[in-house]
Amino acid sequence: MTLAEKLREEGLKEGLEKGLEKGLEKGKREERITTAIKLLTKKFGPLPEEFKSKISKLDSVTLEIIIDGIFDYESLDDVKKYIG
């Protein structure tokens, strides 16, 4: 195997690994979106579409904060500080 072939193979392997990591992170984020909406709906009833839309645009860290605080919220106003 030539040096060029080795470098190409390493580049492909690295690209596949990064793509897989990115795909897994996207899947985790989508799961957090679903979980946040489900928990908030269970606690407060049907959510306004605008509220769900804003939640679906949040990053993973903010979604995790919302999920972790679900028992502390008394109303959706308590959650609005995270969704802007």
PDB file of N, CA and C in Angstrom:
ATOM      1  N   MET A   1       0.845  -1.169   0.000  1.00  0.00           N
ATOM      2  CA  MET A   1       0.000   0.000   0.000  1.00  0.00           C
ATOM      3  C   MET A   1       0.895   1.239   0.000  1.00  0.00           C
ATOM      4  N   THR A   2       0.556   2.188  -0.861  1.00  0.00           N
ATOM      5  CA  THR A   2       1.363   3.404  -0.950  1.00  0.00           C
ATOM      6  C   THR A   2       0.998   4.364   0.171  1.00  0.00           C
ATOM      7  N   LEU A   3       1.846   5.361   0.353  1.00  0.00           N
ATOM      8  CA  LEU A   3       1.609   6.378   1.372  1.00  0.00           C
ATOM      9  C   LEU A   3       0.301   7.119   1.092  1.00  0.00           C
ATOM     10  N   ALA A   4       0.065   7.428  -0.164  1.00  0.00           N
ATOM     11  CA  ALA A   4      -1.171   8.128  -0.533  1.00  0.00           C
ATOM     12  C   ALA A   4      -2.400   7.289  -0.181  1.00  0.00           C
ATOM     13  N   GLU A   5      -2.328   5.992  -0.427  1.00  0.00           N
ATOM     14  CA  GLU A   5      -3.446   5.103  -0.106  1.00  0.00           C
ATOM     15  C   GLU A   5      -3.663   5.026   1.408  1.00  0.00           C
ATOM     16  N   LYS A   6      -2.573   4.970   2.158  1.00  0.00           N
ATOM     17  CA  LYS A   6      -2.676   4.933   3.619  1.00  0.00           C
ATOM     18  C   LYS A   6      -3.320   6.215   4.151  1.00  0.00           C
ATOM     19  N   LEU A   7      -2.873   7.358   3.624  1.00  0.00           N
ATOM     20  CA  LEU A   7      -3.428   8.632   4.064  1.00  0.00           C
ATOM     21  C   LEU A   7      -4.912   8.735   3.706  1.00  0.00           C
ATOM     22  N   ARG A   8      -5.272   8.289   2.516  1.00  0.00           N
ATOM     23  CA  ARG A   8      -6.666   8.315   2.084  1.00  0.00           C
ATOM     24  C   ARG A   8      -7.516   7.425   3.000  1.00  0.00           C
ATOM     25  N   GLU A   9      -7.016   6.245   3.314  1.00  0.00           N
ATOM     26  CA  GLU A   9      -7.732   5.313   4.180  1.00  0.00           C
ATOM     27  C   GLU A   9      -7.918   5.901   5.579  1.00  0.00           C
ATOM     28  N   GLU A  10      -6.839   6.515   6.107  1.00  0.00           N
ATOM     29  CA  GLU A  10      -6.937   7.140   7.429  1.00  0.00           C
ATOM     30  C   GLU A  10      -7.942   8.290   7.417  1.00  0.00           C
ATOM     31  N   GLY A  11      -7.933   9.065   6.338  1.00  0.00           N
ATOM     32  CA  GLY A  11      -8.875  10.178   6.210  1.00  0.00           C
ATOM     33  C   GLY A  11     -10.309   9.692   6.143  1.00  0.00           C
ATOM     34  N   LEU A  12     -10.556   8.635   5.412  1.00  0.00           N
ATOM     35  CA  LEU A  12     -11.898   8.067   5.326  1.00  0.00           C
ATOM     36  C   LEU A  12     -12.359   7.539   6.680  1.00  0.00           C
ATOM     37  N   LYS A  13     -11.462   6.845   7.369  1.00  0.00           N
ATOM     38  CA  LYS A  13     -11.793   6.298   8.682  1.00  0.00           C
ATOM     39  C   LYS A  13     -12.131   7.428   9.656  1.00  0.00           C
ATOM     40  N   GLU A  14     -11.321   8.481   9.661  1.00  0.00           N
ATOM     41  CA  GLU A  14     -11.547   9.613  10.551  1.00  0.00           C
ATOM     42  C   GLU A  14     -12.874  10.310  10.202  1.00  0.00           C
ATOM     43  N   GLY A  15     -13.146  10.451   8.933  1.00  0.00           N
ATOM     44  CA  GLY A  15     -14.399  11.068   8.499  1.00  0.00           C
ATOM     45  C   GLY A  15     -15.609  10.254   8.917  1.00  0.00           C
ATOM     46  N   LEU A  16     -15.532   8.948   8.798  1.00  0.00           N
ATOM     47  CA  LEU A  16     -16.624   8.079   9.220  1.00  0.00           C
ATOM     48  C   LEU A  16     -16.856   8.173  10.725  1.00  0.00           C
ATOM     49  N   GLU A  17     -15.778   8.206  11.490  1.00  0.00           N
ATOM     50  CA  GLU A  17     -15.901   8.306  12.947  1.00  0.00           C
ATOM     51  C   GLU A  17     -16.563   9.624  13.350  1.00  0.00           C
ATOM     52  N   LYS A  18     -16.137  10.727  12.719  1.00  0.00           N
ATOM     53  CA  LYS A  18     -16.726  12.032  13.036  1.00  0.00           C
ATOM     54  C   LYS A  18     -18.194  12.061  12.630  1.00  0.00           C
ATOM     55  N   GLY A  19     -18.517  11.483  11.504  1.00  0.00           N
ATOM     56  CA  GLY A  19     -19.906  11.431  11.048  1.00  0.00           C
ATOM     57  C   GLY A  19     -20.777  10.622  11.995  1.00  0.00           C
ATOM     58  N   LEU A  20     -20.251   9.516  12.470  1.00  0.00           N
ATOM     59  CA  LEU A  20     -20.986   8.677  13.413  1.00  0.00           C
ATOM     60  C   LEU A  20     -21.230   9.421  14.726  1.00  0.00           C
ATOM     61  N   GLU A  21     -20.194  10.099  15.233  1.00  0.00           N
ATOM     62  CA  GLU A  21     -20.336  10.873  16.464  1.00  0.00           C
ATOM     63  C   GLU A  21     -21.384  11.963  16.296  1.00  0.00           C
ATOM     64  N   LYS A  22     -21.355  12.651  15.167  1.00  0.00           N
ATOM     65  CA  LYS A  22     -22.311  13.720  14.904  1.00  0.00           C
ATOM     66  C   LYS A  22     -23.731  13.161  14.827  1.00  0.00           C
ATOM     67  N   GLY A  23     -23.888  12.025  14.197  1.00  0.00           N
ATOM     68  CA  GLY A  23     -25.195  11.388  14.093  1.00  0.00           C
ATOM     69  C   GLY A  23     -25.729  10.954  15.445  1.00  0.00           C
ATOM     70  N   LEU A  24     -24.865  10.408  16.275  1.00  0.00           N
ATOM     71  CA  LEU A  24     -25.277   9.996  17.626  1.00  0.00           C
ATOM     72  C   LEU A  24     -25.698  11.193  18.467  1.00  0.00           C
ATOM     73  N   GLU A  25     -24.958  12.284  18.367  1.00  0.00           N
ATOM     74  CA  GLU A  25     -25.293  13.487  19.124  1.00  0.00           C
ATOM     75  C   GLU A  25     -26.629  14.052  18.649  1.00  0.00           C
ATOM     76  N   LYS A  26     -26.860  14.040  17.352  1.00  0.00           N
ATOM     77  CA  LYS A  26     -28.139  14.519  16.817  1.00  0.00           C
ATOM     78  C   LYS A  26     -29.283  13.654  17.337  1.00  0.00           C
ATOM     79  N   GLY A  27     -29.080  12.355  17.379  1.00  0.00           N
ATOM     80  CA  GLY A  27     -30.100  11.444  17.899  1.00  0.00           C
ATOM     81  C   GLY A  27     -30.383  11.693  19.368  1.00  0.00           C
ATOM     82  N   LYS A  28     -29.340  11.945  20.156  1.00  0.00           N
ATOM     83  CA  LYS A  28     -29.521  12.237  21.586  1.00  0.00           C
ATOM     84  C   LYS A  28     -30.286  13.537  21.774  1.00  0.00           C
ATOM     85  N   ARG A  29     -29.971  14.542  20.953  1.00  0.00           N
ATOM     86  CA  ARG A  29     -30.654  15.828  21.051  1.00  0.00           C
ATOM     87  C   ARG A  29     -32.133  15.670  20.722  1.00  0.00           C
ATOM     88  N   GLU A  30     -32.435  14.938  19.669  1.00  0.00           N
ATOM     89  CA  GLU A  30     -33.832  14.715  19.296  1.00  0.00           C
ATOM     90  C   GLU A  30     -34.578  13.956  20.396  1.00  0.00           C
ATOM     91  N   GLU A  31     -33.898  13.035  21.032  1.00  0.00           N
ATOM     92  CA  GLU A  31     -34.501  12.295  22.147  1.00  0.00           C
ATOM     93  C   GLU A  31     -34.794  13.225  23.326  1.00  0.00           C
ATOM     94  N   ARG A  32     -33.881  14.160  23.584  1.00  0.00           N
ATOM     95  CA  ARG A  32     -34.086  15.128  24.670  1.00  0.00           C
ATOM     96  C   ARG A  32     -35.256  16.057  24.355  1.00  0.00           C
ATOM     97  N   ILE A  33     -35.384  16.456  23.096  1.00  0.00           N
ATOM     98  CA  ILE A  33     -36.514  17.295  22.687  1.00  0.00           C
ATOM     99  C   ILE A  33     -37.820  16.570  22.973  1.00  0.00           C
ATOM    100  N   THR A  34     -37.906  15.327  22.537  1.00  0.00           N
ATOM    101  CA  THR A  34     -39.108  14.522  22.750  1.00  0.00           C
ATOM    102  C   THR A  34     -39.401  14.363  24.237  1.00  0.00           C
ATOM    103  N   THR A  35     -38.377  14.074  25.016  1.00  0.00           N
ATOM    104  CA  THR A  35     -38.546  13.882  26.456  1.00  0.00           C
ATOM    105  C   THR A  35     -39.024  15.170  27.128  1.00  0.00           C
ATOM    106  N   ALA A  36     -38.410  16.292  26.793  1.00  0.00           N
ATOM    107  CA  ALA A  36     -38.798  17.569  27.399  1.00  0.00           C
ATOM    108  C   ALA A  36     -40.258  17.892  27.090  1.00  0.00           C
ATOM    109  N   ILE A  37     -40.648  17.739  25.841  1.00  0.00           N
ATOM    110  CA  ILE A  37     -42.029  18.033  25.450  1.00  0.00           C
ATOM    111  C   ILE A  37     -42.995  17.078  26.139  1.00  0.00           C
ATOM    112  N   LYS A  38     -42.637  15.813  26.197  1.00  0.00           N
ATOM    113  CA  LYS A  38     -43.507  14.817  26.824  1.00  0.00           C
ATOM    114  C   LYS A  38     -43.693  15.107  28.317  1.00  0.00           C
ATOM    115  N   LEU A  39     -42.609  15.394  29.027  1.00  0.00           N
ATOM    116  CA  LEU A  39     -42.698  15.664  30.461  1.00  0.00           C
ATOM    117  C   LEU A  39     -43.468  16.952  30.756  1.00  0.00           C
ATOM    118  N   LEU A  40     -43.200  17.993  29.985  1.00  0.00           N
ATOM    119  CA  LEU A  40     -43.898  19.256  30.191  1.00  0.00           C
ATOM    120  C   LEU A  40     -45.390  19.112  29.882  1.00  0.00           C
ATOM    121  N   THR A  41     -45.715  18.350  28.857  1.00  0.00           N
ATOM    122  CA  THR A  41     -47.120  18.103  28.513  1.00  0.00           C
ATOM    123  C   THR A  41     -47.808  17.320  29.616  1.00  0.00           C
ATOM    124  N   LYS A  42     -47.125  16.335  30.151  1.00  0.00           N
ATOM    125  CA  LYS A  42     -47.704  15.534  31.222  1.00  0.00           C
ATOM    126  C   LYS A  42     -47.958  16.385  32.471  1.00  0.00           C
ATOM    127  N   LYS A  43     -47.051  17.315  32.741  1.00  0.00           N
ATOM    128  CA  LYS A  43     -47.177  18.136  33.941  1.00  0.00           C
ATOM    129  C   LYS A  43     -48.169  19.287  33.765  1.00  0.00           C
ATOM    130  N   PHE A  44     -48.171  19.941  32.582  1.00  0.00           N
ATOM    131  CA  PHE A  44     -48.962  21.155  32.399  1.00  0.00           C
ATOM    132  C   PHE A  44     -50.086  21.040  31.368  1.00  0.00           C
ATOM    133  N   GLY A  45     -50.223  19.884  30.753  1.00  0.00           N
ATOM    134  CA  GLY A  45     -51.241  19.730  29.713  1.00  0.00           C
ATOM    135  C   GLY A  45     -50.672  20.117  28.348  1.00  0.00           C
ATOM    136  N   PRO A  46     -51.528  20.144  27.338  1.00  0.00           N
ATOM    137  CA  PRO A  46     -51.052  20.435  25.977  1.00  0.00           C
ATOM    138  C   PRO A  46     -50.275  21.751  25.902  1.00  0.00           C
ATOM    139  N   LEU A  47     -49.147  21.705  25.229  1.00  0.00           N
ATOM    140  CA  LEU A  47     -48.293  22.881  25.088  1.00  0.00           C
ATOM    141  C   LEU A  47     -48.657  23.642  23.822  1.00  0.00           C
ATOM    142  N   PRO A  48     -48.542  24.964  23.857  1.00  0.00           N
ATOM    143  CA  PRO A  48     -48.758  25.745  22.637  1.00  0.00           C
ATOM    144  C   PRO A  48     -47.720  25.340  21.580  1.00  0.00           C
ATOM    145  N   GLU A  49     -48.121  25.361  20.317  1.00  0.00           N
ATOM    146  CA  GLU A  49     -47.207  24.975  19.232  1.00  0.00           C
ATOM    147  C   GLU A  49     -45.949  25.837  19.219  1.00  0.00           C
ATOM    148  N   GLU A  50     -46.096  27.115  19.503  1.00  0.00           N
ATOM    149  CA  GLU A  50     -44.937  28.011  19.524  1.00  0.00           C
ATOM    150  C   GLU A  50     -43.934  27.578  20.588  1.00  0.00           C
ATOM    151  N   PHE A  51     -44.440  27.130  21.718  1.00  0.00           N
ATOM    152  CA  PHE A  51     -43.596  26.650  22.817  1.00  0.00           C
ATOM    153  C   PHE A  51     -42.830  25.404  22.377  1.00  0.00           C
ATOM    154  N   LYS A  52     -43.534  24.461  21.746  1.00  0.00           N
ATOM    155  CA  LYS A  52     -42.867  23.232  21.264  1.00  0.00           C
ATOM    156  C   LYS A  52     -41.829  23.556  20.195  1.00  0.00           C
ATOM    157  N   SER A  53     -42.143  24.510  19.344  1.00  0.00           N
ATOM    158  CA  SER A  53     -41.212  24.905  18.292  1.00  0.00           C
ATOM    159  C   SER A  53     -39.926  25.480  18.886  1.00  0.00           C
ATOM    160  N   LYS A  54     -40.073  26.308  19.911  1.00  0.00           N
ATOM    161  CA  LYS A  54     -38.885  26.890  20.556  1.00  0.00           C
ATOM    162  C   LYS A  54     -38.061  25.817  21.262  1.00  0.00           C
ATOM    163  N   ILE A  55     -38.726  24.875  21.891  1.00  0.00           N
ATOM    164  CA  ILE A  55     -38.009  23.786  22.556  1.00  0.00           C
ATOM    165  C   ILE A  55     -37.209  22.976  21.544  1.00  0.00           C
ATOM    166  N   SER A  56     -37.785  22.750  20.374  1.00  0.00           N
ATOM    167  CA  SER A  56     -37.102  21.936  19.361  1.00  0.00           C
ATOM    168  C   SER A  56     -35.851  22.606  18.795  1.00  0.00           C
ATOM    169  N   LYS A  57     -35.663  23.875  19.083  1.00  0.00           N
ATOM    170  CA  LYS A  57     -34.489  24.607  18.584  1.00  0.00           C
ATOM    171  C   LYS A  57     -33.384  24.746  19.633  1.00  0.00           C
ATOM    172  N   LEU A  58     -33.646  24.253  20.837  1.00  0.00           N
ATOM    173  CA  LEU A  58     -32.665  24.395  21.920  1.00  0.00           C
ATOM    174  C   LEU A  58     -31.498  23.429  21.767  1.00  0.00           C
ATOM    175  N   ASP A  59     -30.373  23.798  22.366  1.00  0.00           N
ATOM    176  CA  ASP A  59     -29.208  22.910  22.358  1.00  0.00           C
ATOM    177  C   ASP A  59     -29.373  21.831  23.425  1.00  0.00           C
ATOM    178  N   SER A  60     -28.554  20.820  23.344  1.00  0.00           N
ATOM    179  CA  SER A  60     -28.645  19.660  24.239  1.00  0.00           C
ATOM    180  C   SER A  60     -28.487  20.021  25.714  1.00  0.00           C
ATOM    181  N   VAL A  61     -27.609  20.949  26.025  1.00  0.00           N
ATOM    182  CA  VAL A  61     -27.364  21.328  27.417  1.00  0.00           C
ATOM    183  C   VAL A  61     -28.613  21.973  28.012  1.00  0.00           C
ATOM    184  N   THR A  62     -29.226  22.891  27.285  1.00  0.00           N
ATOM    185  CA  THR A  62     -30.436  23.555  27.769  1.00  0.00           C
ATOM    186  C   THR A  62     -31.585  22.567  27.914  1.00  0.00           C
ATOM    187  N   LEU A  63     -31.702  21.649  26.967  1.00  0.00           N
ATOM    188  CA  LEU A  63     -32.743  20.623  27.060  1.00  0.00           C
ATOM    189  C   LEU A  63     -32.550  19.770  28.307  1.00  0.00           C
ATOM    190  N   GLU A  64     -31.325  19.430  28.600  1.00  0.00           N
ATOM    191  CA  GLU A  64     -31.023  18.619  29.789  1.00  0.00           C
ATOM    192  C   GLU A  64     -31.372  19.382  31.068  1.00  0.00           C
ATOM    193  N   ILE A  65     -31.111  20.677  31.084  1.00  0.00           N
ATOM    194  CA  ILE A  65     -31.455  21.509  32.243  1.00  0.00           C
ATOM    195  C   ILE A  65     -32.971  21.525  32.439  1.00  0.00           C
ATOM    196  N   ILE A  66     -33.707  21.678  31.364  1.00  0.00           N
ATOM    197  CA  ILE A  66     -35.178  21.685  31.453  1.00  0.00           C
ATOM    198  C   ILE A  66     -35.687  20.348  31.983  1.00  0.00           C
ATOM    199  N   ILE A  67     -35.161  19.270  31.450  1.00  0.00           N
ATOM    200  CA  ILE A  67     -35.595  17.933  31.879  1.00  0.00           C
ATOM    201  C   ILE A  67     -35.270  17.716  33.356  1.00  0.00           C
ATOM    202  N   ASP A  68     -34.073  18.092  33.758  1.00  0.00           N
ATOM    203  CA  ASP A  68     -33.663  17.890  35.150  1.00  0.00           C
ATOM    204  C   ASP A  68     -34.503  18.704  36.138  1.00  0.00           C
ATOM    205  N   GLY A  69     -35.023  19.846  35.694  1.00  0.00           N
ATOM    206  CA  GLY A  69     -35.776  20.704  36.598  1.00  0.00           C
ATOM    207  C   GLY A  69     -37.279  20.483  36.585  1.00  0.00           C
ATOM    208  N   ILE A  70     -37.743  19.474  35.903  1.00  0.00           N
ATOM    209  CA  ILE A  70     -39.182  19.277  35.693  1.00  0.00           C
ATOM    210  C   ILE A  70     -39.980  19.283  36.990  1.00  0.00           C
ATOM    211  N   PHE A  71     -39.449  18.747  38.071  1.00  0.00           N
ATOM    212  CA  PHE A  71     -40.191  18.687  39.333  1.00  0.00           C
ATOM    213  C   PHE A  71     -40.229  20.026  40.067  1.00  0.00           C
ATOM    214  N   ASP A  72     -39.374  20.950  39.671  1.00  0.00           N
ATOM    215  CA  ASP A  72     -39.306  22.244  40.333  1.00  0.00           C
ATOM    216  C   ASP A  72     -40.221  23.297  39.703  1.00  0.00           C
ATOM    217  N   TYR A  73     -40.682  23.074  38.481  1.00  0.00           N
ATOM    218  CA  TYR A  73     -41.490  24.069  37.783  1.00  0.00           C
ATOM    219  C   TYR A  73     -42.924  24.084  38.305  1.00  0.00           C
ATOM    220  N   GLU A  74     -43.412  25.293  38.538  1.00  0.00           N
ATOM    221  CA  GLU A  74     -44.799  25.446  38.968  1.00  0.00           C
ATOM    222  C   GLU A  74     -45.701  25.836  37.808  1.00  0.00           C
ATOM    223  N   SER A  75     -45.118  26.399  36.763  1.00  0.00           N
ATOM    224  CA  SER A  75     -45.878  26.762  35.573  1.00  0.00           C
ATOM    225  C   SER A  75     -44.923  26.820  34.380  1.00  0.00           C
ATOM    226  N   LEU A  76     -45.498  26.979  33.190  1.00  0.00           N
ATOM    227  CA  LEU A  76     -44.656  27.089  31.997  1.00  0.00           C
ATOM    228  C   LEU A  76     -43.805  28.355  32.029  1.00  0.00           C
ATOM    229  N   ASP A  77     -44.225  29.337  32.805  1.00  0.00           N
ATOM    230  CA  ASP A  77     -43.426  30.556  32.939  1.00  0.00           C
ATOM    231  C   ASP A  77     -42.042  30.244  33.511  1.00  0.00           C
ATOM    232  N   ASP A  78     -41.961  29.227  34.358  1.00  0.00           N
ATOM    233  CA  ASP A  78     -40.669  28.828  34.925  1.00  0.00           C
ATOM    234  C   ASP A  78     -39.739  28.261  33.850  1.00  0.00           C
ATOM    235  N   VAL A  79     -40.303  27.735  32.803  1.00  0.00           N
ATOM    236  CA  VAL A  79     -39.521  27.146  31.717  1.00  0.00           C
ATOM    237  C   VAL A  79     -39.153  28.190  30.680  1.00  0.00           C
ATOM    238  N   LYS A  80     -39.970  29.224  30.565  1.00  0.00           N
ATOM    239  CA  LYS A  80     -39.754  30.252  29.523  1.00  0.00           C
ATOM    240  C   LYS A  80     -38.395  30.921  29.632  1.00  0.00           C
ATOM    241  N   LYS A  81     -37.834  30.981  30.815  1.00  0.00           N
ATOM    242  CA  LYS A  81     -36.516  31.619  30.972  1.00  0.00           C
ATOM    243  C   LYS A  81     -35.432  30.867  30.207  1.00  0.00           C
ATOM    244  N   TYR A  82     -35.686  29.589  29.899  1.00  0.00           N
ATOM    245  CA  TYR A  82     -34.714  28.794  29.155  1.00  0.00           C
ATOM    246  C   TYR A  82     -34.940  28.836  27.649  1.00  0.00           C
ATOM    247  N   ILE A  83     -36.153  29.162  27.236  1.00  0.00           N
ATOM    248  CA  ILE A  83     -36.429  29.101  25.800  1.00  0.00           C
ATOM    249  C   ILE A  83     -36.494  30.462  25.144  1.00  0.00           C
ATOM    250  N   GLY A  84     -36.373  31.515  25.919  1.00  0.00           N
ATOM    251  CA  GLY A  84     -36.300  32.866  25.383  1.00  0.00           C
ATOM    252  C   GLY A  84     -37.556  33.460  24.883  1.00  0.00           C
TER     253      GLY A  84
END
